Amino acid sequence: SMSEIFEPITINEKSVSIKSRSSLLIISKEVFGAKN
Protein backbone atom coordinates (compact mmCIF):
# COMPACT_ATOMS: atom_id res chain seq x y z
CA SER A 1 0.00 0.00 0.00
CA MET A 2 3.08 2.23 0.30
CA SER A 3 4.51 3.72 -2.86
CA GLU A 4 8.17 3.55 -1.86
CA ILE A 5 10.48 0.88 -0.50
CA PHE A 6 11.29 1.64 3.12
CA GLU A 7 13.77 0.61 5.75
CA PRO A 8 12.50 -2.31 7.87
CA ILE A 9 10.08 -1.06 10.51
CA THR A 10 9.93 -2.68 13.96
CA ILE A 11 6.45 -3.86 14.94
CA ASN A 12 5.79 -3.77 18.66
CA GLU A 13 2.05 -4.37 18.41
CA LYS A 14 0.47 -7.80 18.53
CA SER A 15 -1.51 -7.16 15.33
CA VAL A 16 -1.25 -5.35 12.03
CA SER A 17 -3.76 -3.70 9.72
CA ILE A 18 -3.57 -4.51 6.02
CA LYS A 19 -5.15 -1.94 3.77
CA SER A 20 -7.60 -2.85 1.05
CA ARG A 21 -6.05 -4.89 -1.78
CA SER A 22 -2.60 -4.87 -0.25
CA SER A 23 0.03 -7.26 1.05
CA LEU A 24 2.44 -7.29 3.98
CA LEU A 25 5.69 -9.18 4.34
CA ILE A 26 6.98 -9.28 7.90
CA ILE A 27 10.27 -10.93 8.87
CA SER A 28 11.68 -12.00 12.21
CA LYS A 29 14.76 -10.09 13.28
CA GLU A 30 16.40 -13.50 13.66
CA VAL A 31 16.56 -13.71 9.86
CA PHE A 32 18.52 -10.43 9.67
CA GLY A 33 21.41 -11.96 11.57
CA ALA A 34 23.97 -10.40 13.88
CA LYS A 35 24.65 -7.51 11.49
CA ASN A 36 20.97 -6.57 11.60
PDB file of all heavy atoms in Angstrom:
ATOM      1  N   SER A   1       0.827  -1.212   0.000  1.00  0.00           N
ATOM      2  CA  SER A   1       0.000   0.000   0.000  1.00  0.00           C
ATOM      3  C   SER A   1       0.862   1.263   0.000  1.00  0.00           C
ATOM      4  O   SER A   1       0.364   2.363  -0.235  1.00  0.00           O
ATOM      5  CB  SER A   1      -0.935   0.023   1.211  1.00  0.00           C
ATOM      6  OG  SER A   1      -0.204   0.218   2.413  1.00  0.00           O
ATOM      7  N   MET A   2       2.161   1.098   0.271  1.00  0.00           N
ATOM      8  CA  MET A   2       3.082   2.226   0.296  1.00  0.00           C
ATOM      9  C   MET A   2       3.800   2.324  -1.044  1.00  0.00           C
ATOM     10  O   MET A   2       4.193   1.315  -1.632  1.00  0.00           O
ATOM     11  CB  MET A   2       4.077   2.077   1.438  1.00  0.00           C
ATOM     12  CG  MET A   2       3.409   1.986   2.806  1.00  0.00           C
ATOM     13  SD  MET A   2       4.572   1.728   4.174  1.00  0.00           S
ATOM     14  CE  MET A   2       5.426   3.311   4.194  1.00  0.00           C
ATOM     15  N   SER A   3       3.967   3.531  -1.524  1.00  0.00           N
ATOM     16  CA  SER A   3       4.512   3.723  -2.865  1.00  0.00           C
ATOM     17  C   SER A   3       6.011   3.477  -2.937  1.00  0.00           C
ATOM     18  O   SER A   3       6.530   3.105  -3.990  1.00  0.00           O
ATOM     19  CB  SER A   3       4.206   5.138  -3.366  1.00  0.00           C
ATOM     20  OG  SER A   3       4.781   6.112  -2.506  1.00  0.00           O
ATOM     21  N   GLU A   4       6.720   3.672  -1.837  1.00  0.00           N
ATOM     22  CA  GLU A   4       8.168   3.554  -1.860  1.00  0.00           C
ATOM     23  C   GLU A   4       8.638   2.372  -1.012  1.00  0.00           C
ATOM     24  O   GLU A   4       7.967   1.950  -0.079  1.00  0.00           O
ATOM     25  CB  GLU A   4       8.825   4.835  -1.336  1.00  0.00           C
ATOM     26  CG  GLU A   4       8.616   6.063  -2.224  1.00  0.00           C
ATOM     27  CD  GLU A   4       9.313   5.953  -3.566  1.00  0.00           C
ATOM     28  OE1 GLU A   4      10.340   5.246  -3.649  1.00  0.00           O
ATOM     29  OE2 GLU A   4       8.825   6.566  -4.547  1.00  0.00           O
ATOM     30  N   ILE A   5       9.809   1.863  -1.350  1.00  0.00           N
ATOM     31  CA  ILE A   5      10.479   0.885  -0.503  1.00  0.00           C
ATOM     32  C   ILE A   5      11.024   1.618   0.720  1.00  0.00           C
ATOM     33  O   ILE A   5      11.518   2.734   0.625  1.00  0.00           O
ATOM     34  CB  ILE A   5      11.621   0.199  -1.277  1.00  0.00           C
ATOM     35  CG1 ILE A   5      11.026  -0.645  -2.417  1.00  0.00           C
ATOM     36  CG2 ILE A   5      12.475  -0.664  -0.368  1.00  0.00           C
ATOM     37  CD1 ILE A   5      12.070  -1.176  -3.377  1.00  0.00           C
ATOM     38  N   PHE A   6      10.904   0.974   1.882  1.00  0.00           N
ATOM     39  CA  PHE A   6      11.287   1.639   3.121  1.00  0.00           C
ATOM     40  C   PHE A   6      12.246   0.761   3.905  1.00  0.00           C
ATOM     41  O   PHE A   6      12.383  -0.442   3.655  1.00  0.00           O
ATOM     42  CB  PHE A   6      10.043   1.938   3.961  1.00  0.00           C
ATOM     43  CG  PHE A   6       9.140   0.743   4.130  1.00  0.00           C
ATOM     44  CD1 PHE A   6       9.358  -0.192   5.134  1.00  0.00           C
ATOM     45  CD2 PHE A   6       8.060   0.545   3.270  1.00  0.00           C
ATOM     46  CE1 PHE A   6       8.546  -1.297   5.289  1.00  0.00           C
ATOM     47  CE2 PHE A   6       7.232  -0.560   3.413  1.00  0.00           C
ATOM     48  CZ  PHE A   6       7.466  -1.477   4.421  1.00  0.00           C
ATOM     49  N   GLU A   7      12.928   1.379   4.836  1.00  0.00           N
ATOM     50  CA  GLU A   7      13.769   0.613   5.749  1.00  0.00           C
ATOM     51  C   GLU A   7      12.872  -0.251   6.634  1.00  0.00           C
ATOM     52  O   GLU A   7      11.751   0.147   6.977  1.00  0.00           O
ATOM     53  CB  GLU A   7      14.595   1.558   6.624  1.00  0.00           C
ATOM     54  CG  GLU A   7      15.690   2.299   5.872  1.00  0.00           C
ATOM     55  CD  GLU A   7      16.753   1.369   5.331  1.00  0.00           C
ATOM     56  OE1 GLU A   7      17.121   0.404   6.045  1.00  0.00           O
ATOM     57  OE2 GLU A   7      17.204   1.584   4.183  1.00  0.00           O
ATOM     58  N   PRO A   8      13.315  -1.447   7.018  1.00  0.00           N
ATOM     59  CA  PRO A   8      12.497  -2.313   7.869  1.00  0.00           C
ATOM     60  C   PRO A   8      12.005  -1.585   9.117  1.00  0.00           C
ATOM     61  O   PRO A   8      12.756  -0.854   9.766  1.00  0.00           O
ATOM     62  CB  PRO A   8      13.450  -3.453   8.228  1.00  0.00           C
ATOM     63  CG  PRO A   8      14.390  -3.515   7.069  1.00  0.00           C
ATOM     64  CD  PRO A   8      14.578  -2.103   6.633  1.00  0.00           C
ATOM     65  N   ILE A   9      10.720  -1.757   9.401  1.00  0.00           N
ATOM     66  CA  ILE A   9      10.077  -1.062  10.510  1.00  0.00           C
ATOM     67  C   ILE A   9       9.757  -2.062  11.620  1.00  0.00           C
ATOM     68  O   ILE A   9       9.099  -3.082  11.372  1.00  0.00           O
ATOM     69  CB  ILE A   9       8.771  -0.372  10.041  1.00  0.00           C
ATOM     70  CG1 ILE A   9       9.080   0.649   8.937  1.00  0.00           C
ATOM     71  CG2 ILE A   9       8.053   0.273  11.212  1.00  0.00           C
ATOM     72  CD1 ILE A   9       7.827   1.202   8.270  1.00  0.00           C
ATOM     73  N   THR A  10      10.221  -1.798  12.819  1.00  0.00           N
ATOM     74  CA  THR A  10       9.933  -2.678  13.957  1.00  0.00           C
ATOM     75  C   THR A  10       8.459  -2.611  14.319  1.00  0.00           C
ATOM     76  O   THR A  10       7.856  -1.532  14.379  1.00  0.00           O
ATOM     77  CB  THR A  10      10.776  -2.277  15.180  1.00  0.00           C
ATOM     78  OG1 THR A  10      12.159  -2.356  14.838  1.00  0.00           O
ATOM     79  CG2 THR A  10      10.496  -3.195  16.359  1.00  0.00           C
ATOM     80  N   ILE A  11       7.861  -3.777  14.552  1.00  0.00           N
ATOM     81  CA  ILE A  11       6.453  -3.859  14.942  1.00  0.00           C
ATOM     82  C   ILE A  11       6.385  -4.312  16.401  1.00  0.00           C
ATOM     83  O   ILE A  11       6.760  -5.447  16.728  1.00  0.00           O
ATOM     84  CB  ILE A  11       5.681  -4.840  14.038  1.00  0.00           C
ATOM     85  CG1 ILE A  11       5.736  -4.368  12.579  1.00  0.00           C
ATOM     86  CG2 ILE A  11       4.237  -4.978  14.504  1.00  0.00           C
ATOM     87  CD1 ILE A  11       5.092  -5.325  11.609  1.00  0.00           C
ATOM     88  N   ASN A  12       5.916  -3.443  17.243  1.00  0.00           N
ATOM     89  CA  ASN A  12       5.790  -3.772  18.665  1.00  0.00           C
ATOM     90  C   ASN A  12       4.392  -4.261  19.019  1.00  0.00           C
ATOM     91  O   ASN A  12       4.189  -4.881  20.069  1.00  0.00           O
ATOM     92  CB  ASN A  12       6.139  -2.547  19.517  1.00  0.00           C
ATOM     93  CG  ASN A  12       7.607  -2.146  19.342  1.00  0.00           C
ATOM     94  OD1 ASN A  12       8.479  -3.008  19.368  1.00  0.00           O
ATOM     95  ND2 ASN A  12       7.861  -0.853  19.160  1.00  0.00           N
ATOM     96  N   GLU A  13       3.433  -3.954  18.146  1.00  0.00           N
ATOM     97  CA  GLU A  13       2.055  -4.367  18.411  1.00  0.00           C
ATOM     98  C   GLU A  13       1.875  -5.865  18.167  1.00  0.00           C
ATOM     99  O   GLU A  13       2.684  -6.510  17.500  1.00  0.00           O
ATOM    100  CB  GLU A  13       1.081  -3.581  17.522  1.00  0.00           C
ATOM    101  CG  GLU A  13       1.058  -2.090  17.786  1.00  0.00           C
ATOM    102  CD  GLU A  13       2.224  -1.365  17.135  1.00  0.00           C
ATOM    103  OE1 GLU A  13       2.938  -2.006  16.332  1.00  0.00           O
ATOM    104  OE2 GLU A  13       2.445  -0.183  17.450  1.00  0.00           O
ATOM    105  N   LYS A  14       0.779  -6.389  18.697  1.00  0.00           N
ATOM    106  CA  LYS A  14       0.467  -7.801  18.528  1.00  0.00           C
ATOM    107  C   LYS A  14      -0.345  -8.075  17.275  1.00  0.00           C
ATOM    108  O   LYS A  14      -0.633  -9.223  16.955  1.00  0.00           O
ATOM    109  CB  LYS A  14      -0.291  -8.318  19.747  1.00  0.00           C
ATOM    110  CG  LYS A  14       0.541  -8.301  21.031  1.00  0.00           C
ATOM    111  CD  LYS A  14      -0.265  -8.861  22.197  1.00  0.00           C
ATOM    112  CE  LYS A  14       0.579  -8.870  23.479  1.00  0.00           C
ATOM    113  NZ  LYS A  14      -0.177  -9.432  24.627  1.00  0.00           N
ATOM    114  N   SER A  15      -0.721  -6.998  16.555  1.00  0.00           N
ATOM    115  CA  SER A  15      -1.505  -7.164  15.334  1.00  0.00           C
ATOM    116  C   SER A  15      -1.105  -6.083  14.334  1.00  0.00           C
ATOM    117  O   SER A  15      -0.456  -5.093  14.680  1.00  0.00           O
ATOM    118  CB  SER A  15      -3.003  -7.088  15.633  1.00  0.00           C
ATOM    119  OG  SER A  15      -3.349  -5.796  16.090  1.00  0.00           O
ATOM    120  N   VAL A  16      -1.506  -6.319  13.095  1.00  0.00           N
ATOM    121  CA  VAL A  16      -1.247  -5.345  12.034  1.00  0.00           C
ATOM    122  C   VAL A  16      -2.524  -5.147  11.229  1.00  0.00           C
ATOM    123  O   VAL A  16      -3.388  -6.028  11.169  1.00  0.00           O
ATOM    124  CB  VAL A  16      -0.119  -5.805  11.094  1.00  0.00           C
ATOM    125  CG1 VAL A  16       1.223  -5.782  11.784  1.00  0.00           C
ATOM    126  CG2 VAL A  16      -0.418  -7.185  10.512  1.00  0.00           C
ATOM    127  N   SER A  17      -2.640  -3.979  10.609  1.00  0.00           N
ATOM    128  CA  SER A  17      -3.762  -3.696   9.724  1.00  0.00           C
ATOM    129  C   SER A  17      -3.252  -3.699   8.290  1.00  0.00           C
ATOM    130  O   SER A  17      -2.261  -3.043   7.975  1.00  0.00           O
ATOM    131  CB  SER A  17      -4.379  -2.339  10.062  1.00  0.00           C
ATOM    132  OG  SER A  17      -5.446  -2.051   9.177  1.00  0.00           O
ATOM    133  N   ILE A  18      -3.935  -4.469   7.441  1.00  0.00           N
ATOM    134  CA  ILE A  18      -3.569  -4.506   6.020  1.00  0.00           C
ATOM    135  C   ILE A  18      -4.635  -3.748   5.244  1.00  0.00           C
ATOM    136  O   ILE A  18      -5.830  -4.072   5.316  1.00  0.00           O
ATOM    137  CB  ILE A  18      -3.460  -5.947   5.491  1.00  0.00           C
ATOM    138  CG1 ILE A  18      -2.490  -6.765   6.346  1.00  0.00           C
ATOM    139  CG2 ILE A  18      -2.992  -5.943   4.039  1.00  0.00           C
ATOM    140  CD1 ILE A  18      -2.320  -8.184   5.878  1.00  0.00           C
ATOM    141  N   LYS A  19      -4.209  -2.762   4.523  1.00  0.00           N
ATOM    142  CA  LYS A  19      -5.146  -1.943   3.769  1.00  0.00           C
ATOM    143  C   LYS A  19      -5.788  -2.742   2.645  1.00  0.00           C
ATOM    144  O   LYS A  19      -5.312  -3.812   2.253  1.00  0.00           O
ATOM    145  CB  LYS A  19      -4.433  -0.707   3.214  1.00  0.00           C
ATOM    146  CG  LYS A  19      -4.014   0.288   4.290  1.00  0.00           C
ATOM    147  CD  LYS A  19      -3.418   1.541   3.676  1.00  0.00           C
ATOM    148  CE  LYS A  19      -3.026   2.545   4.768  1.00  0.00           C
ATOM    149  NZ  LYS A  19      -2.430   3.774   4.202  1.00  0.00           N
ATOM    150  N   SER A  20      -6.868  -2.199   2.132  1.00  0.00           N
ATOM    151  CA  SER A  20      -7.597  -2.848   1.049  1.00  0.00           C
ATOM    152  C   SER A  20      -6.666  -3.177  -0.117  1.00  0.00           C
ATOM    153  O   SER A  20      -5.842  -2.368  -0.518  1.00  0.00           O
ATOM    154  CB  SER A  20      -8.715  -1.919   0.571  1.00  0.00           C
ATOM    155  OG  SER A  20      -9.248  -2.363  -0.652  1.00  0.00           O
ATOM    156  N   ARG A  21      -6.797  -4.409  -0.618  1.00  0.00           N
ATOM    157  CA  ARG A  21      -6.050  -4.891  -1.778  1.00  0.00           C
ATOM    158  C   ARG A  21      -4.555  -4.587  -1.640  1.00  0.00           C
ATOM    159  O   ARG A  21      -3.940  -3.954  -2.494  1.00  0.00           O
ATOM    160  CB  ARG A  21      -6.631  -4.312  -3.068  1.00  0.00           C
ATOM    161  CG  ARG A  21      -8.096  -4.719  -3.256  1.00  0.00           C
ATOM    162  CD  ARG A  21      -8.654  -4.400  -4.612  1.00  0.00           C
ATOM    163  NE  ARG A  21     -10.009  -4.952  -4.709  1.00  0.00           N
ATOM    164  CZ  ARG A  21     -11.128  -4.254  -4.486  1.00  0.00           C
ATOM    165  NH1 ARG A  21     -11.045  -2.970  -4.162  1.00  0.00           N
ATOM    166  NH2 ARG A  21     -12.311  -4.809  -4.571  1.00  0.00           N
ATOM    167  N   SER A  22      -4.015  -5.080  -0.554  1.00  0.00           N
ATOM    168  CA  SER A  22      -2.600  -4.867  -0.248  1.00  0.00           C
ATOM    169  C   SER A  22      -2.014  -6.122   0.387  1.00  0.00           C
ATOM    170  O   SER A  22      -2.741  -7.028   0.811  1.00  0.00           O
ATOM    171  CB  SER A  22      -2.415  -3.683   0.711  1.00  0.00           C
ATOM    172  OG  SER A  22      -2.875  -2.480   0.142  1.00  0.00           O
ATOM    173  N   SER A  23      -0.693  -6.136   0.458  1.00  0.00           N
ATOM    174  CA  SER A  23       0.034  -7.261   1.047  1.00  0.00           C
ATOM    175  C   SER A  23       1.065  -6.751   2.034  1.00  0.00           C
ATOM    176  O   SER A  23       1.609  -5.652   1.864  1.00  0.00           O
ATOM    177  CB  SER A  23       0.762  -8.067  -0.044  1.00  0.00           C
ATOM    178  OG  SER A  23      -0.113  -8.484  -1.055  1.00  0.00           O
ATOM    179  N   LEU A  24       1.360  -7.576   3.033  1.00  0.00           N
ATOM    180  CA  LEU A  24       2.436  -7.293   3.979  1.00  0.00           C
ATOM    181  C   LEU A  24       3.390  -8.481   4.026  1.00  0.00           C
ATOM    182  O   LEU A  24       2.956  -9.639   4.041  1.00  0.00           O
ATOM    183  CB  LEU A  24       1.899  -7.058   5.388  1.00  0.00           C
ATOM    184  CG  LEU A  24       1.167  -5.762   5.727  1.00  0.00           C
ATOM    185  CD1 LEU A  24       0.891  -5.716   7.223  1.00  0.00           C
ATOM    186  CD2 LEU A  24       1.975  -4.554   5.293  1.00  0.00           C
ATOM    187  N   LEU A  25       4.672  -8.182   4.053  1.00  0.00           N
ATOM    188  CA  LEU A  25       5.692  -9.185   4.336  1.00  0.00           C
ATOM    189  C   LEU A  25       6.427  -8.736   5.584  1.00  0.00           C
ATOM    190  O   LEU A  25       7.005  -7.649   5.627  1.00  0.00           O
ATOM    191  CB  LEU A  25       6.672  -9.322   3.171  1.00  0.00           C
ATOM    192  CG  LEU A  25       7.911 -10.187   3.437  1.00  0.00           C
ATOM    193  CD1 LEU A  25       7.530 -11.611   3.814  1.00  0.00           C
ATOM    194  CD2 LEU A  25       8.841 -10.184   2.228  1.00  0.00           C
ATOM    195  N   ILE A  26       6.369  -9.586   6.614  1.00  0.00           N
ATOM    196  CA  ILE A  26       6.982  -9.282   7.904  1.00  0.00           C
ATOM    197  C   ILE A  26       7.982 -10.385   8.222  1.00  0.00           C
ATOM    198  O   ILE A  26       7.689 -11.570   8.058  1.00  0.00           O
ATOM    199  CB  ILE A  26       5.905  -9.173   9.004  1.00  0.00           C
ATOM    200  CG1 ILE A  26       4.937  -8.023   8.666  1.00  0.00           C
ATOM    201  CG2 ILE A  26       6.531  -8.962  10.369  1.00  0.00           C
ATOM    202  CD1 ILE A  26       3.762  -7.930   9.600  1.00  0.00           C
ATOM    203  N   ILE A  27       9.177  -9.986   8.664  1.00  0.00           N
ATOM    204  CA  ILE A  27      10.271 -10.933   8.871  1.00  0.00           C
ATOM    205  C   ILE A  27      10.789 -10.827  10.302  1.00  0.00           C
ATOM    206  O   ILE A  27      10.926  -9.728  10.847  1.00  0.00           O
ATOM    207  CB  ILE A  27      11.416 -10.669   7.873  1.00  0.00           C
ATOM    208  CG1 ILE A  27      10.908 -10.807   6.432  1.00  0.00           C
ATOM    209  CG2 ILE A  27      12.588 -11.612   8.109  1.00  0.00           C
ATOM    210  CD1 ILE A  27      11.952 -10.486   5.389  1.00  0.00           C
ATOM    211  N   SER A  28      11.079 -11.978  10.876  1.00  0.00           N
ATOM    212  CA  SER A  28      11.677 -11.997  12.210  1.00  0.00           C
ATOM    213  C   SER A  28      13.079 -11.412  12.165  1.00  0.00           C
ATOM    214  O   SER A  28      13.844 -11.646  11.222  1.00  0.00           O
ATOM    215  CB  SER A  28      11.736 -13.433  12.731  1.00  0.00           C
ATOM    216  OG  SER A  28      12.556 -13.511  13.870  1.00  0.00           O
ATOM    217  N   LYS A  29      13.420 -10.682  13.205  1.00  0.00           N
ATOM    218  CA  LYS A  29      14.756 -10.089  13.278  1.00  0.00           C
ATOM    219  C   LYS A  29      15.831 -11.172  13.298  1.00  0.00           C
ATOM    220  O   LYS A  29      16.988 -10.915  12.950  1.00  0.00           O
ATOM    221  CB  LYS A  29      14.862  -9.205  14.517  1.00  0.00           C
ATOM    222  CG  LYS A  29      16.021  -8.227  14.485  1.00  0.00           C
ATOM    223  CD  LYS A  29      15.946  -7.234  15.623  1.00  0.00           C
ATOM    224  CE  LYS A  29      17.098  -6.233  15.552  1.00  0.00           C
ATOM    225  NZ  LYS A  29      17.048  -5.260  16.662  1.00  0.00           N
ATOM    226  N   GLU A  30      15.457 -12.381  13.673  1.00  0.00           N
ATOM    227  CA  GLU A  30      16.396 -13.505  13.663  1.00  0.00           C
ATOM    228  C   GLU A  30      16.978 -13.723  12.267  1.00  0.00           C
ATOM    229  O   GLU A  30      18.151 -14.086  12.111  1.00  0.00           O
ATOM    230  CB  GLU A  30      15.689 -14.778  14.133  1.00  0.00           C
ATOM    231  CG  GLU A  30      16.551 -16.024  14.090  1.00  0.00           C
ATOM    232  CD  GLU A  30      15.783 -17.265  14.499  1.00  0.00           C
ATOM    233  OE1 GLU A  30      14.611 -17.144  14.898  1.00  0.00           O
ATOM    234  OE2 GLU A  30      16.366 -18.356  14.429  1.00  0.00           O
ATOM    235  N   VAL A  31      16.134 -13.488  11.235  1.00  0.00           N
ATOM    236  CA  VAL A  31      16.559 -13.709   9.859  1.00  0.00           C
ATOM    237  C   VAL A  31      17.624 -12.695   9.449  1.00  0.00           C
ATOM    238  O   VAL A  31      18.489 -12.974   8.617  1.00  0.00           O
ATOM    239  CB  VAL A  31      15.345 -13.641   8.905  1.00  0.00           C
ATOM    240  CG1 VAL A  31      15.778 -13.734   7.460  1.00  0.00           C
ATOM    241  CG2 VAL A  31      14.354 -14.751   9.244  1.00  0.00           C
ATOM    242  N   PHE A  32      17.584 -11.483  10.042  1.00  0.00           N
ATOM    243  CA  PHE A  32      18.515 -10.429   9.669  1.00  0.00           C
ATOM    244  C   PHE A  32      19.938 -10.732  10.118  1.00  0.00           C
ATOM    245  O   PHE A  32      20.890 -10.189   9.580  1.00  0.00           O
ATOM    246  CB  PHE A  32      18.051  -9.091  10.262  1.00  0.00           C
ATOM    247  CG  PHE A  32      16.934  -8.457   9.488  1.00  0.00           C
ATOM    248  CD1 PHE A  32      15.673  -9.020   9.455  1.00  0.00           C
ATOM    249  CD2 PHE A  32      17.152  -7.282   8.799  1.00  0.00           C
ATOM    250  CE1 PHE A  32      14.645  -8.444   8.750  1.00  0.00           C
ATOM    251  CE2 PHE A  32      16.127  -6.694   8.079  1.00  0.00           C
ATOM    252  CZ  PHE A  32      14.875  -7.267   8.052  1.00  0.00           C
ATOM    253  N   GLY A  33      20.085 -11.587  11.111  1.00  0.00           N
ATOM    254  CA  GLY A  33      21.411 -11.963  11.571  1.00  0.00           C
ATOM    255  C   GLY A  33      22.035 -10.939  12.503  1.00  0.00           C
ATOM    256  O   GLY A  33      21.452  -9.913  12.843  1.00  0.00           O
ATOM    257  N   ALA A  34      23.278 -11.233  12.895  1.00  0.00           N
ATOM    258  CA  ALA A  34      23.970 -10.396  13.879  1.00  0.00           C
ATOM    259  C   ALA A  34      24.219  -8.989  13.369  1.00  0.00           C
ATOM    260  O   ALA A  34      24.262  -8.025  14.143  1.00  0.00           O
ATOM    261  CB  ALA A  34      25.302 -11.054  14.255  1.00  0.00           C
ATOM    262  N   LYS A  35      24.383  -8.832  12.057  1.00  0.00           N
ATOM    263  CA  LYS A  35      24.653  -7.513  11.488  1.00  0.00           C
ATOM    264  C   LYS A  35      23.389  -6.678  11.331  1.00  0.00           C
ATOM    265  O   LYS A  35      23.447  -5.530  10.899  1.00  0.00           O
ATOM    266  CB  LYS A  35      25.344  -7.666  10.140  1.00  0.00           C
ATOM    267  CG  LYS A  35      26.746  -8.282  10.235  1.00  0.00           C
ATOM    268  CD  LYS A  35      27.402  -8.346   8.870  1.00  0.00           C
ATOM    269  CE  LYS A  35      28.795  -8.949   8.962  1.00  0.00           C
ATOM    270  NZ  LYS A  35      29.451  -9.023   7.626  1.00  0.00           N
ATOM    271  N   ASN A  36      22.255  -7.288  11.671  1.00  0.00           N
ATOM    272  CA  ASN A  36      20.970  -6.571  11.604  1.00  0.00           C
ATOM    273  C   ASN A  36      20.724  -5.993  10.204  1.00  0.00           C
ATOM    274  O   ASN A  36      20.253  -4.866  10.034  1.00  0.00           O
ATOM    275  CB  ASN A  36      20.926  -5.446  12.642  1.00  0.00           C
ATOM    276  CG  ASN A  36      19.498  -4.982  12.912  1.00  0.00           C
ATOM    277  OD1 ASN A  36      18.550  -5.758  12.752  1.00  0.00           O
ATOM    278  ND2 ASN A  36      19.339  -3.730  13.317  1.00  0.00           N
TER     279      ASN A  36
END
